C-alpha atoms as a PDB file:
ATOM      1  CA  MET A   1     -24.464 -14.988 -18.342  1.00  0.00           C
ATOM      2  CA  THR A   2     -26.865 -15.877 -15.388  1.00  0.00           C
ATOM      3  CA  PHE A   3     -30.558 -15.401 -15.610  1.00  0.00           C
ATOM      4  CA  THR A   4     -30.424 -12.873 -12.818  1.00  0.00           C
ATOM      5  CA  ALA A   5     -27.515 -11.025 -14.416  1.00  0.00           C
ATOM      6  CA  LEU A   6     -29.534 -10.833 -17.707  1.00  0.00           C
ATOM      7  CA  ARG A   7     -32.399  -9.593 -15.957  1.00  0.00           C
ATOM      8  CA  ARG A   8     -30.667  -6.781 -14.110  1.00  0.00           C
ATOM      9  CA  ILE A   9     -29.280  -5.594 -17.802  1.00  0.00           C
ATOM     10  CA  VAL A  10     -32.767  -5.943 -19.054  1.00  0.00           C
ATOM     11  CA  ALA A  11     -34.040  -3.644 -16.292  1.00  0.00           C
ATOM     12  CA  PHE A  12     -31.290  -1.005 -16.894  1.00  0.00           C
ATOM     13  CA  LEU A  13     -31.784  -0.870 -20.495  1.00  0.00           C
ATOM     14  CA  ALA A  14     -35.441  -0.621 -20.083  1.00  0.00           C
ATOM     15  CA  ALA A  15     -34.833   2.248 -17.668  1.00  0.00           C
ATOM     16  CA  ALA A  16     -32.377   4.177 -19.903  1.00  0.00           C
ATOM     17  CA  CYS A  17     -35.204   4.244 -22.700  1.00  0.00           C
ATOM     18  CA  LEU A  18     -38.284   4.705 -20.811  1.00  0.00           C
ATOM     19  CA  GLY A  19     -37.348   7.256 -18.637  1.00  0.00           C
ATOM     20  CA  PRO A  20     -38.019   7.586 -14.514  1.00  0.00           C
ATOM     21  CA  VAL A  21     -41.403   5.873 -14.849  1.00  0.00           C
ATOM     22  CA  HIS A  22     -39.391   2.686 -14.973  1.00  0.00           C
ATOM     23  CA  ALA A  23     -36.574   4.003 -12.826  1.00  0.00           C
ATOM     24  CA  ALA A  24     -33.021   1.914 -12.795  1.00  0.00           C
ATOM     25  CA  SER A  25     -31.774   0.783  -9.191  1.00  0.00           C
ATOM     26  CA  VAL A  26     -29.699   2.605  -6.978  1.00  0.00           C
ATOM     27  CA  GLU A  27     -26.670   0.950  -8.104  1.00  0.00           C
ATOM     28  CA  GLU A  28     -27.010   1.292 -11.482  1.00  0.00           C
ATOM     29  CA  MET A  29     -28.171   4.936 -11.385  1.00  0.00           C
ATOM     30  CA  ALA A  30     -24.655   5.805  -9.401  1.00  0.00           C
ATOM     31  CA  ALA A  31     -22.896   4.332 -12.361  1.00  0.00           C
ATOM     32  CA  TYR A  32     -25.173   5.700 -14.928  1.00  0.00           C
ATOM     33  CA  GLN A  33     -23.139   7.385 -17.439  1.00  0.00           C
ATOM     34  CA  GLY A  34     -25.746   9.071 -19.780  1.00  0.00           C
ATOM     35  CA  ALA A  35     -26.158  12.404 -20.577  1.00  0.00           C
ATOM     36  CA  ASP A  36     -29.589  12.433 -18.895  1.00  0.00           C
ATOM     37  CA  ARG A  37     -28.165  11.093 -15.777  1.00  0.00           C
ATOM     38  CA  THR A  38     -29.405  14.598 -13.718  1.00  0.00           C
ATOM     39  CA  ALA A  39     -32.528  14.518 -15.160  1.00  0.00           C
ATOM     40  CA  LYS A  40     -33.472  11.076 -14.117  1.00  0.00           C
ATOM     41  CA  LEU A  41     -32.134  11.621 -10.684  1.00  0.00           C
ATOM     42  CA  VAL A  42     -34.279  14.708 -10.492  1.00  0.00           C
ATOM     43  CA  ALA A  43     -37.441  12.836 -11.422  1.00  0.00           C
ATOM     44  CA  ALA A  44     -36.434   9.984  -8.725  1.00  0.00           C
ATOM     45  CA  ALA A  45     -35.515  12.431  -6.510  1.00  0.00           C
ATOM     46  CA  LYS A  46     -38.879  13.777  -6.528  1.00  0.00           C
ATOM     47  CA  ALA A  47     -40.313  10.571  -6.111  1.00  0.00           C
ATOM     48  CA  GLU A  48     -38.804  10.166  -2.543  1.00  0.00           C
ATOM     49  CA  GLY A  49     -40.214  13.114  -1.091  1.00  0.00           C
ATOM     50  CA  GLY A  50     -38.117  16.108  -0.952  1.00  0.00           C
ATOM     51  CA  GLU A  51     -35.923  15.557   1.891  1.00  0.00           C
ATOM     52  CA  LEU A  52     -32.300  14.743   2.291  1.00  0.00           C
ATOM     53  CA  SER A  53     -30.000  14.198   5.514  1.00  0.00           C
ATOM     54  CA  VAL A  54     -26.680  15.214   5.262  1.00  0.00           C
ATOM     55  CA  TYR A  55     -23.801  14.802   8.085  1.00  0.00           C
ATOM     56  CA  HIS A  56     -20.780  17.281   7.256  1.00  0.00           C
ATOM     57  CA  VAL A  57     -18.305  18.981   8.734  1.00  0.00           C
ATOM     58  CA  TYR A  58     -17.538  21.582   6.131  1.00  0.00           C
ATOM     59  CA  PRO A  59     -18.124  25.224   6.927  1.00  0.00           C
ATOM     60  CA  ALA A  60     -18.687  26.066   2.904  1.00  0.00           C
ATOM     61  CA  LEU A  61     -21.313  23.127   2.706  1.00  0.00           C
ATOM     62  CA  THR A  62     -24.088  25.422   4.273  1.00  0.00           C
ATOM     63  CA  LYS A  63     -24.291  27.478   1.227  1.00  0.00           C
ATOM     64  CA  VAL A  64     -24.081  24.797  -0.882  1.00  0.00           C
ATOM     65  CA  MET A  65     -27.147  23.221   0.637  1.00  0.00           C
ATOM     66  CA  GLU A  66     -29.205  26.303   0.569  1.00  0.00           C
ATOM     67  CA  ALA A  67     -28.204  26.704  -3.154  1.00  0.00           C
ATOM     68  CA  PHE A  68     -29.171  23.032  -3.818  1.00  0.00           C
ATOM     69  CA  SER A  69     -32.489  23.368  -1.686  1.00  0.00           C
ATOM     70  CA  LYS A  70     -33.260  26.435  -3.756  1.00  0.00           C
ATOM     71  CA  LYS A  71     -32.874  25.004  -6.939  1.00  0.00           C
ATOM     72  CA  TYR A  72     -34.752  21.574  -6.189  1.00  0.00           C
ATOM     73  CA  GLY A  73     -37.289  22.093  -3.612  1.00  0.00           C
ATOM     74  CA  ILE A  74     -35.738  19.881  -1.432  1.00  0.00           C
ATOM     75  CA  GLN A  75     -35.585  20.215   2.328  1.00  0.00           C
ATOM     76  CA  VAL A  76     -31.825  19.467   3.530  1.00  0.00           C
ATOM     77  CA  LYS A  77     -31.791  18.620   7.090  1.00  0.00           C
ATOM     78  CA  PRO A  78     -27.504  19.044   7.983  1.00  0.00           C
ATOM     79  CA  TRP A  79     -26.002  17.856  11.107  1.00  0.00           C
ATOM     80  CA  ARG A  80     -22.404  19.309  11.829  1.00  0.00           C
ATOM     81  CA  SER A  81     -19.668  18.290  14.082  1.00  0.00           C
ATOM     82  CA  SER A  82     -15.828  17.403  14.288  1.00  0.00           C
ATOM     83  CA  SER A  83     -14.494  14.659  11.531  1.00  0.00           C
ATOM     84  CA  GLU A  84     -14.320  12.216  14.103  1.00  0.00           C
ATOM     85  CA  THR A  85     -17.538  12.537  15.508  1.00  0.00           C
ATOM     86  CA  VAL A  86     -19.232  12.410  12.388  1.00  0.00           C
ATOM     87  CA  LEU A  87     -17.432   9.091  11.704  1.00  0.00           C
ATOM     88  CA  GLN A  88     -18.475   7.941  15.056  1.00  0.00           C
ATOM     89  CA  ARG A  89     -22.092   8.661  14.725  1.00  0.00           C
ATOM     90  CA  LEU A  90     -22.052   6.923  11.309  1.00  0.00           C
ATOM     91  CA  VAL A  91     -20.487   3.599  12.402  1.00  0.00           C
ATOM     92  CA  THR A  92     -22.542   3.837  15.794  1.00  0.00           C
ATOM     93  CA  GLU A  93     -25.758   4.201  13.871  1.00  0.00           C
ATOM     94  CA  SER A  94     -24.738   1.313  11.533  1.00  0.00           C
ATOM     95  CA  ARG A  95     -23.888  -1.195  13.960  1.00  0.00           C
ATOM     96  CA  GLY A  96     -27.635  -0.313  15.886  1.00  0.00           C
ATOM     97  CA  ASN A  97     -29.324  -0.747  12.543  1.00  0.00           C
ATOM     98  CA  ARG A  98     -30.088   2.771  12.432  1.00  0.00           C
ATOM     99  CA  PHE A  99     -29.472   4.742   9.043  1.00  0.00           C
ATOM    100  CA  ASP A 100     -30.753   8.509   9.191  1.00  0.00           C
ATOM    101  CA  ALA A 101     -27.803   9.794   7.125  1.00  0.00           C
ATOM    102  CA  ASP A 102     -28.193   9.948   3.578  1.00  0.00           C
ATOM    103  CA  PHE A 103     -25.111  11.764   2.339  1.00  0.00           C
ATOM    104  CA  VAL A 104     -21.768  12.583   4.176  1.00  0.00           C
ATOM    105  CA  GLN A 105     -19.106  15.013   3.847  1.00  0.00           C
ATOM    106  CA  ASN A 106     -15.918  14.435   5.777  1.00  0.00           C
ATOM    107  CA  ASN A 107     -12.004  14.546   5.592  1.00  0.00           C
ATOM    108  CA  ALA A 108     -10.731  11.770   3.179  1.00  0.00           C
ATOM    109  CA  GLN A 109      -9.132   9.843   6.408  1.00  0.00           C
ATOM    110  CA  GLU A 110     -12.203   9.661   7.966  1.00  0.00           C
ATOM    111  CA  ASN A 111     -14.581   8.910   4.806  1.00  0.00           C
ATOM    112  CA  GLU A 112     -11.637   6.102   4.119  1.00  0.00           C
ATOM    113  CA  ALA A 113     -12.444   4.549   7.215  1.00  0.00           C
ATOM    114  CA  ALA A 114     -16.201   4.658   6.629  1.00  0.00           C
ATOM    115  CA  CYS A 115     -15.330   3.049   3.535  1.00  0.00           C
ATOM    116  CA  ARG A 116     -13.455   0.247   5.203  1.00  0.00           C
ATOM    117  CA  GLU A 117     -16.543  -0.237   7.012  1.00  0.00           C
ATOM    118  CA  LYS A 118     -18.651  -0.849   4.157  1.00  0.00           C
ATOM    119  CA  LEU A 119     -21.014   2.154   4.859  1.00  0.00           C
ATOM    120  CA  LEU A 120     -20.574   4.025   1.469  1.00  0.00           C
ATOM    121  CA  MET A 121     -21.699   3.508  -1.910  1.00  0.00           C
ATOM    122  CA  GLU A 122     -19.831   3.205  -5.089  1.00  0.00           C
ATOM    123  CA  VAL A 123     -20.342   6.000  -7.225  1.00  0.00           C
ATOM    124  CA  ARG A 124     -19.135   6.483 -10.524  1.00  0.00           C
ATOM    125  CA  SER A 125     -20.104   9.873 -11.942  1.00  0.00           C
ATOM    126  CA  PRO A 126     -19.304  11.742 -15.510  1.00  0.00           C
ATOM    127  CA  ALA A 127     -18.709  14.554 -12.975  1.00  0.00           C
ATOM    128  CA  GLN A 128     -15.550  13.304 -11.861  1.00  0.00           C
ATOM    129  CA  SER A 129     -13.639  13.277 -15.030  1.00  0.00           C
ATOM    130  CA  SER A 130     -13.142  17.149 -14.534  1.00  0.00           C
ATOM    131  CA  LEU A 131     -11.540  16.472 -11.044  1.00  0.00           C
ATOM    132  CA  VAL A 132      -8.005  16.619 -10.429  1.00  0.00           C
ATOM    133  CA  PRO A 133      -6.913  12.832 -10.833  1.00  0.00           C
ATOM    134  CA  GLU A 134      -5.757  12.336  -6.946  1.00  0.00           C
ATOM    135  CA  ALA A 135      -9.636  13.321  -5.648  1.00  0.00           C
ATOM    136  CA  VAL A 136     -10.895   9.928  -7.415  1.00  0.00           C
ATOM    137  CA  PRO A 137      -9.563   6.987  -5.354  1.00  0.00           C
ATOM    138  CA  SER A 138      -9.802   3.805  -7.535  1.00  0.00           C
ATOM    139  CA  HIS A 139     -12.849   2.438  -5.111  1.00  0.00           C
ATOM    140  CA  HIS A 140     -15.151   4.880  -6.211  1.00  0.00           C
ATOM    141  CA  CYS A 141     -16.646   5.335  -2.337  1.00  0.00           C
ATOM    142  CA  TRP A 142     -15.983   8.966  -1.673  1.00  0.00           C
ATOM    143  CA  VAL A 143     -14.467  11.520  -4.183  1.00  0.00           C
ATOM    144  CA  GLY A 144     -12.903  14.667  -3.166  1.00  0.00           C
ATOM    145  CA  PHE A 145     -14.743  17.890  -3.776  1.00  0.00           C
ATOM    146  CA  ALA A 146     -12.408  20.571  -2.161  1.00  0.00           C
ATOM    147  CA  VAL A 147      -8.843  20.568  -1.256  1.00  0.00           C
ATOM    148  CA  ASP A 148      -7.263  21.869   2.430  1.00  0.00           C
ATOM    149  CA  VAL A 149      -4.109  23.188   1.869  1.00  0.00           C
ATOM    150  CA  PHE A 150      -1.763  23.164   4.847  1.00  0.00           C
ATOM    151  CA  ILE A 151       0.085  26.154   4.614  1.00  0.00           C
ATOM    152  CA  ALA A 152       2.251  28.730   6.275  1.00  0.00           C
ATOM    153  CA  ALA A 153       0.332  32.492   7.001  1.00  0.00           C
ATOM    154  CA  TYR A 154       2.005  35.233   8.320  1.00  0.00           C
ATOM    155  CA  ASN A 155       0.837  38.651   9.798  1.00  0.00           C
ATOM    156  CA  THR A 156       2.077  41.157   7.082  1.00  0.00           C
ATOM    157  CA  ALA A 157       2.635  43.883   9.976  1.00  0.00           C
ATOM    158  CA  LYS A 158       4.249  41.669  12.246  1.00  0.00           C
ATOM    159  CA  VAL A 159       6.674  39.841   9.768  1.00  0.00           C
ATOM    160  CA  ARG A 160       8.741  41.118   6.732  1.00  0.00           C
ATOM    161  CA  LYS A 161       8.611  39.102   3.795  1.00  0.00           C
ATOM    162  CA  GLU A 162      12.424  39.073   3.514  1.00  0.00           C
ATOM    163  CA  ASP A 163      12.399  37.515   7.155  1.00  0.00           C
ATOM    164  CA  LEU A 164      10.282  34.690   6.001  1.00  0.00           C
ATOM    165  CA  PRO A 165      11.535  31.007   6.374  1.00  0.00           C
ATOM    166  CA  ALA A 166      12.749  29.165   3.116  1.00  0.00           C
ATOM    167  CA  SER A 167      12.667  25.512   4.889  1.00  0.00           C
ATOM    168  CA  TYR A 168      11.536  24.141   8.191  1.00  0.00           C
ATOM    169  CA  GLU A 169      14.966  24.182   9.426  1.00  0.00           C
ATOM    170  CA  ASP A 170      14.955  28.080   9.448  1.00  0.00           C
ATOM    171  CA  LEU A 171      12.640  28.266  11.772  1.00  0.00           C
ATOM    172  CA  LEU A 172      15.054  27.186  14.384  1.00  0.00           C
ATOM    173  CA  ASN A 173      16.615  30.658  14.241  1.00  0.00           C
ATOM    174  CA  PRO A 174      16.237  32.465  17.307  1.00  0.00           C
ATOM    175  CA  ARG A 175      14.548  35.575  15.457  1.00  0.00           C
ATOM    176  CA  TRP A 176      11.136  33.028  15.569  1.00  0.00           C
ATOM    177  CA  LYS A 177      11.207  32.662  19.390  1.00  0.00           C
ATOM    178  CA  GLY A 178       7.677  32.935  20.758  1.00  0.00           C
ATOM    179  CA  LEU A 179       6.290  34.082  17.085  1.00  0.00           C
ATOM    180  CA  ILE A 180       5.102  30.667  15.933  1.00  0.00           C
ATOM    181  CA  ALA A 181       1.963  28.532  16.198  1.00  0.00           C
ATOM    182  CA  VAL A 182       0.233  25.624  15.006  1.00  0.00           C
ATOM    183  CA  GLU A 183      -3.021  23.846  15.223  1.00  0.00           C
ATOM    184  CA  ALA A 184      -3.652  21.564  18.313  1.00  0.00           C
ATOM    185  CA  ASP A 185      -5.546  18.275  15.993  1.00  0.00           C
ATOM    186  CA  ASP A 186      -3.316  18.107  13.250  1.00  0.00           C
ATOM    187  CA  SER A 187      -1.365  15.041  13.751  1.00  0.00           C
ATOM    188  CA  ALA A 188      -2.060  13.608  10.463  1.00  0.00           C
ATOM    189  CA  TRP A 189      -0.189  16.751   8.847  1.00  0.00           C
ATOM    190  CA  PHE A 190       2.557  16.549  11.096  1.00  0.00           C
ATOM    191  CA  GLY A 191       2.705  12.793  10.732  1.00  0.00           C
ATOM    192  CA  SER A 192       2.717  12.909   6.623  1.00  0.00           C
ATOM    193  CA  LEU A 193       5.036  15.706   7.092  1.00  0.00           C
ATOM    194  CA  ALA A 194       7.478  13.460   9.130  1.00  0.00           C
ATOM    195  CA  GLU A 195       7.382  10.851   6.370  1.00  0.00           C
ATOM    196  CA  VAL A 196       8.319  13.213   3.764  1.00  0.00           C
ATOM    197  CA  LEU A 197      11.242  14.792   5.616  1.00  0.00           C
ATOM    198  CA  GLY A 198      12.463  11.625   7.144  1.00  0.00           C
ATOM    199  CA  GLU A 199      10.761  10.779  10.706  1.00  0.00           C
ATOM    200  CA  ASP A 200      13.918  11.121  12.849  1.00  0.00           C
ATOM    201  CA  LYS A 201      14.757  14.419  11.172  1.00  0.00           C
ATOM    202  CA  ALA A 202      11.513  15.853  11.447  1.00  0.00           C
ATOM    203  CA  HIS A 203      10.747  14.616  15.154  1.00  0.00           C
ATOM    204  CA  ASN A 204      14.334  16.191  16.258  1.00  0.00           C
ATOM    205  CA  LEU A 205      13.431  19.193  14.506  1.00  0.00           C
ATOM    206  CA  PHE A 206      10.410  20.121  16.033  1.00  0.00           C
ATOM    207  CA  THR A 207      11.732  18.618  19.457  1.00  0.00           C
ATOM    208  CA  ASN A 208      14.204  21.585  18.897  1.00  0.00           C
ATOM    209  CA  LEU A 209      11.819  24.272  17.808  1.00  0.00           C
ATOM    210  CA  VAL A 210       9.607  23.726  20.935  1.00  0.00           C
ATOM    211  CA  ALA A 211      12.751  23.479  23.324  1.00  0.00           C
ATOM    212  CA  ASN A 212      14.472  26.572  22.078  1.00  0.00           C
ATOM    213  CA  ASN A 213      11.962  28.728  20.416  1.00  0.00           C
ATOM    214  CA  GLY A 214       8.297  27.979  21.655  1.00  0.00           C
ATOM    215  CA  LEU A 215       5.398  26.655  20.177  1.00  0.00           C
ATOM    216  CA  ALA A 216       1.826  28.093  20.871  1.00  0.00           C
ATOM    217  CA  VAL A 217      -0.867  25.707  20.046  1.00  0.00           C
ATOM    218  CA  ARG A 218      -4.368  26.723  19.376  1.00  0.00           C
ATOM    219  CA  LYS A 219      -7.650  24.826  18.224  1.00  0.00           C
ATOM    220  CA  GLY A 220      -9.520  25.390  14.862  1.00  0.00           C
ATOM    221  CA  HIS A 221      -7.864  26.213  11.459  1.00  0.00           C
ATOM    222  CA  SER A 222     -10.150  29.216  11.367  1.00  0.00           C
ATOM    223  CA  LEU A 223      -9.351  30.411  14.721  1.00  0.00           C
ATOM    224  CA  LEU A 224      -5.600  29.952  14.092  1.00  0.00           C
ATOM    225  CA  ALA A 225      -5.868  32.095  10.806  1.00  0.00           C
ATOM    226  CA  ASN A 226      -7.605  34.771  12.676  1.00  0.00           C
ATOM    227  CA  LEU A 227      -5.328  35.124  15.202  1.00  0.00           C
ATOM    228  CA  VAL A 228      -2.629  35.740  12.457  1.00  0.00           C
ATOM    229  CA  ALA A 229      -4.940  38.232  11.081  1.00  0.00           C
ATOM    230  CA  SER A 230      -4.999  39.916  14.677  1.00  0.00           C
ATOM    231  CA  GLY A 231      -1.272  39.741  15.135  1.00  0.00           C
ATOM    232  CA  GLU A 232      -1.489  37.661  17.983  1.00  0.00           C
ATOM    233  CA  VAL A 233      -0.003  34.789  16.109  1.00  0.00           C
ATOM    234  CA  PRO A 234       2.415  36.464  13.684  1.00  0.00           C
ATOM    235  CA  LEU A 235       3.034  33.076  11.829  1.00  0.00           C
ATOM    236  CA  ALA A 236       1.565  30.000  11.787  1.00  0.00           C
ATOM    237  CA  LEU A 237       2.406  26.821   9.822  1.00  0.00           C
ATOM    238  CA  ASP A 238      -0.433  25.003   9.005  1.00  0.00           C
ATOM    239  CA  THR A 239      -3.796  27.094   8.392  1.00  0.00           C
ATOM    240  CA  TYR A 240      -5.850  25.883   5.669  1.00  0.00           C
ATOM    241  CA  SER A 241      -4.925  28.069   2.487  1.00  0.00           C
ATOM    242  CA  TRP A 242      -8.606  29.112   1.789  1.00  0.00           C
ATOM    243  CA  SER A 243      -9.055  31.008   5.501  1.00  0.00           C
ATOM    244  CA  PRO A 244      -6.291  33.221   5.051  1.00  0.00           C
ATOM    245  CA  GLU A 245      -7.428  34.026   1.562  1.00  0.00           C
ATOM    246  CA  GLN A 246     -11.050  34.974   3.111  1.00  0.00           C
ATOM    247  CA  LEU A 247      -9.545  37.447   5.571  1.00  0.00           C
ATOM    248  CA  LYS A 248      -7.312  38.853   3.121  1.00  0.00           C
ATOM    249  CA  GLY A 249     -10.429  39.644   0.913  1.00  0.00           C
ATOM    250  CA  LYS A 250     -11.833  41.798   3.952  1.00  0.00           C
ATOM    251  CA  GLY A 251      -8.521  43.870   4.109  1.00  0.00           C
ATOM    252  CA  ALA A 252      -6.583  41.905   7.059  1.00  0.00           C
ATOM    253  CA  PRO A 253      -2.934  42.044   6.792  1.00  0.00           C
ATOM    254  CA  ILE A 254      -2.427  38.249   6.341  1.00  0.00           C
ATOM    255  CA  GLU A 255      -0.542  36.340   3.373  1.00  0.00           C
ATOM    256  CA  VAL A 256       0.111  32.916   2.812  1.00  0.00           C
ATOM    257  CA  HIS A 257       3.674  31.435   2.601  1.00  0.00           C
ATOM    258  CA  PRO A 258       4.415  27.942   1.208  1.00  0.00           C
ATOM    259  CA  ILE A 259       7.184  26.152   2.941  1.00  0.00           C
ATOM    260  CA  ALA A 260       8.027  22.929   0.989  1.00  0.00           C
ATOM    261  CA  PRO A 261       6.869  20.152   1.379  1.00  0.00           C
ATOM    262  CA  VAL A 262       3.104  21.711   1.347  1.00  0.00           C
ATOM    263  CA  MET A 263       0.640  19.095   2.403  1.00  0.00           C
ATOM    264  CA  ALA A 264      -2.940  18.803   1.443  1.00  0.00           C
ATOM    265  CA  GLN A 265      -5.814  16.608   1.995  1.00  0.00           C
ATOM    266  CA  PHE A 266      -9.213  16.110   0.593  1.00  0.00           C
ATOM    267  CA  SER A 267     -12.419  17.130   1.679  1.00  0.00           C
ATOM    268  CA  THR A 268     -14.757  14.571   0.497  1.00  0.00           C
ATOM    269  CA  ILE A 269     -18.419  13.509  -0.238  1.00  0.00           C
ATOM    270  CA  ALA A 270     -20.153  10.303  -0.082  1.00  0.00           C
ATOM    271  CA  VAL A 271     -23.628   8.786  -0.620  1.00  0.00           C
ATOM    272  CA  LEU A 272     -24.539   5.966   2.326  1.00  0.00           C
ATOM    273  CA  LYS A 273     -25.427   2.909   1.237  1.00  0.00           C
ATOM    274  CA  ARG A 274     -28.683   2.516   3.352  1.00  0.00           C
ATOM    275  CA  ALA A 275     -29.328   5.825   2.683  1.00  0.00           C
ATOM    276  CA  LYS A 276     -33.423   6.687   2.828  1.00  0.00           C
ATOM    277  CA  HIS A 277     -33.251   9.200   0.042  1.00  0.00           C
ATOM    278  CA  PRO A 278     -30.613   7.490  -2.141  1.00  0.00           C
ATOM    279  CA  TYR A 279     -31.666   9.159  -5.521  1.00  0.00           C
ATOM    280  CA  THR A 280     -31.855  12.533  -3.656  1.00  0.00           C
ATOM    281  CA  ALA A 281     -28.236  11.581  -2.230  1.00  0.00           C
ATOM    282  CA  LEU A 282     -26.976  11.210  -6.022  1.00  0.00           C
ATOM    283  CA  LEU A 283     -28.413  14.268  -6.964  1.00  0.00           C
ATOM    284  CA  PHE A 284     -26.648  16.346  -4.204  1.00  0.00           C
ATOM    285  CA  TYR A 285     -23.567  14.368  -5.156  1.00  0.00           C
ATOM    286  CA  GLU A 286     -23.670  15.614  -8.679  1.00  0.00           C
ATOM    287  CA  PHE A 287     -24.764  19.349  -7.554  1.00  0.00           C
ATOM    288  CA  LEU A 288     -21.731  19.503  -5.471  1.00  0.00           C
ATOM    289  CA  LEU A 289     -19.606  18.329  -8.428  1.00  0.00           C
ATOM    290  CA  ASP A 290     -20.856  20.913 -10.664  1.00  0.00           C
ATOM    291  CA  GLU A 291     -22.445  24.008  -9.615  1.00  0.00           C
ATOM    292  CA  GLY A 292     -21.382  23.416  -6.097  1.00  0.00           C
ATOM    293  CA  GLN A 293     -17.422  23.918  -7.196  1.00  0.00           C
ATOM    294  CA  LYS A 294     -18.361  27.306  -8.558  1.00  0.00           C
ATOM    295  CA  ILE A 295     -20.139  28.152  -5.333  1.00  0.00           C
ATOM    296  CA  LEU A 296     -16.825  26.954  -3.217  1.00  0.00           C
ATOM    297  CA  SER A 297     -14.660  28.976  -5.728  1.00  0.00           C
ATOM    298  CA  ASP A 298     -16.640  32.426  -5.303  1.00  0.00           C
ATOM    299  CA  LEU A 299     -16.284  31.754  -1.644  1.00  0.00           C
ATOM    300  CA  LYS A 300     -12.471  31.426  -1.695  1.00  0.00           C
ATOM    301  CA  PHE A 301     -12.483  27.657  -1.042  1.00  0.00           C
ATOM    302  CA  VAL A 302     -10.608  25.278  -3.175  1.00  0.00           C
ATOM    303  CA  PRO A 303     -12.789  23.033  -5.453  1.00  0.00           C
ATOM    304  CA  THR A 304     -11.422  19.930  -6.973  1.00  0.00           C
ATOM    305  CA  SER A 305     -12.483  21.007 -10.469  1.00  0.00           C
ATOM    306  CA  ARG A 306     -10.201  21.479 -13.109  1.00  0.00           C
ATOM    307  CA  LYS A 307     -12.662  24.381 -14.518  1.00  0.00           C
ATOM    308  CA  PHE A 308     -11.805  26.680 -11.923  1.00  0.00           C
ATOM    309  CA  ASP A 309      -8.410  28.591 -11.338  1.00  0.00           C
ATOM    310  CA  ALA A 310      -7.083  27.863  -7.839  1.00  0.00           C
ATOM    311  CA  PRO A 311      -3.347  29.131  -7.711  1.00  0.00           C
ATOM    312  CA  VAL A 312      -2.826  27.071  -4.677  1.00  0.00           C
ATOM    313  CA  LEU A 313      -3.369  23.906  -6.389  1.00  0.00           C
ATOM    314  CA  LYS A 314      -0.186  24.768  -8.897  1.00  0.00           C
ATOM    315  CA  LEU A 315       2.316  24.548  -5.806  1.00  0.00           C
ATOM    316  CA  PRO A 316       3.969  21.169  -5.691  1.00  0.00           C
ATOM    317  CA  LEU A 317       1.623  19.735  -3.108  1.00  0.00           C
ATOM    318  CA  LYS A 318       2.062  16.385  -0.940  1.00  0.00           C
ATOM    319  CA  PHE A 319      -1.509  14.944  -0.813  1.00  0.00           C
ATOM    320  CA  ILE A 320      -1.836  12.972   2.815  1.00  0.00           C
ATOM    321  CA  ASP A 321      -2.564   9.200   1.800  1.00  0.00           C
ATOM    322  CA  PRO A 322      -5.969   8.763   3.695  1.00  0.00           C
ATOM    323  CA  GLY A 323      -5.291   5.130   4.162  1.00  0.00           C
ATOM    324  CA  ARG A 324      -1.937   5.585   5.579  1.00  0.00           C
ATOM    325  CA  ALA A 325      -3.265   8.562   7.664  1.00  0.00           C
ATOM    326  CA  TYR A 326      -6.068   5.985   9.180  1.00  0.00           C
ATOM    327  CA  ASP A 327      -4.068   3.015   9.712  1.00  0.00           C
ATOM    328  CA  ASN A 328      -1.357   5.241  11.455  1.00  0.00           C
ATOM    329  CA  HIS A 329      -3.628   7.485  13.403  1.00  0.00           C
ATOM    330  CA  ASP A 330      -2.763   6.345  16.700  1.00  0.00           C
ATOM    331  CA  LYS A 331       0.868   6.616  16.537  1.00  0.00           C
ATOM    332  CA  TRP A 332       0.778   9.938  14.762  1.00  0.00           C
ATOM    333  CA  GLN A 333      -1.525  11.187  17.543  1.00  0.00           C
ATOM    334  CA  ARG A 334       0.898  10.370  20.005  1.00  0.00           C
ATOM    335  CA  ASP A 335       3.755  11.736  18.193  1.00  0.00           C
ATOM    336  CA  TYR A 336       2.232  14.803  17.607  1.00  0.00           C
ATOM    337  CA  GLU A 337       1.072  15.240  21.436  1.00  0.00           C
ATOM    338  CA  SER A 338       4.805  14.111  22.658  1.00  0.00           C
ATOM    339  CA  ILE A 339       6.873  16.298  20.252  1.00  0.00           C
ATOM    340  CA  VAL A 340       4.541  19.321  19.734  1.00  0.00           C
ATOM    341  CA  ILE A 341       1.726  19.541  22.020  1.00  0.00           C
ATOM    342  CA  LYS A 342       3.164  18.667  25.434  1.00  0.00           C
ATOM    343  CA  GLY A 343       5.710  21.120  25.491  1.00  0.00           C
ATOM    344  CA  ALA A 344       3.979  23.809  23.446  1.00  0.00           C
ATOM    345  CA  ALA A 345       2.297  27.040  24.703  1.00  0.00           C
ATOM    346  CA  HIS A 346      -1.347  26.729  25.290  1.00  0.00           C
END
């Protein structure tokens, strides 16, 4: 054993025994499994000045940040944008030797890209053991804290339950002419769906669907679900499952209808390697995998913790591989645009 390795072990044991006065390094705390992990992070976070910078895309994160700030007295400074814009900003800032973000929440595909750029810290929290296994990748650069399930949704006043399609092939029935819509930026959904169905089969199916029955395109999953609820779109193929559930809770005539294969992706969280407030970021990470999971569940989102009942997770889901989605992004985008978007109604 080298002297450096021995020194790190001694420092870590001292921190574990003596508490926050002799705090462990950020890397050591990111891997620490002790029952006092949160207590140590609270003490270390207080020493960082009570601030946290969060880049995110998820609407529900606002409520979680408010609860975190209220509990710990930490001022959270959020910046929200699209998934690709958040990734681009992280990469651009890093290459300019600027590190404003402490914490990032993004789709798995984009955070996988950030991991490959070596921007994210490896975190091994005890809280990960309570999550669905697929939410925890082997590299531990990010973790899934919520699930976005791509699921069909229909307006119950416009579509009879007995008429609903049992398969994607059923969508070619002339009864669906002018009644179907998809989200404008779901190339990862489309590409992954094509891999499961068979690329030639899927491409031919959607080519025929667009040509014969038409396919409307709307930008934004929340907008798409709202259009279903209003009746403007009788059937949408790829809403996020939580959005129809939220609208249904408000009395809207909307229901979800799974068409196999049902694709899903993780909304993920990560701590930046060069965070200015790393202990605070780690504390927020713990909060999201604990109390934050209940907040998500109460808001009808789909938490990854197995402590909460999420009926949609009982479906035979096909999780989108974030690495494949990243590697095939350009091809899947071209396919989606040429097969679906180009001939669709806008």
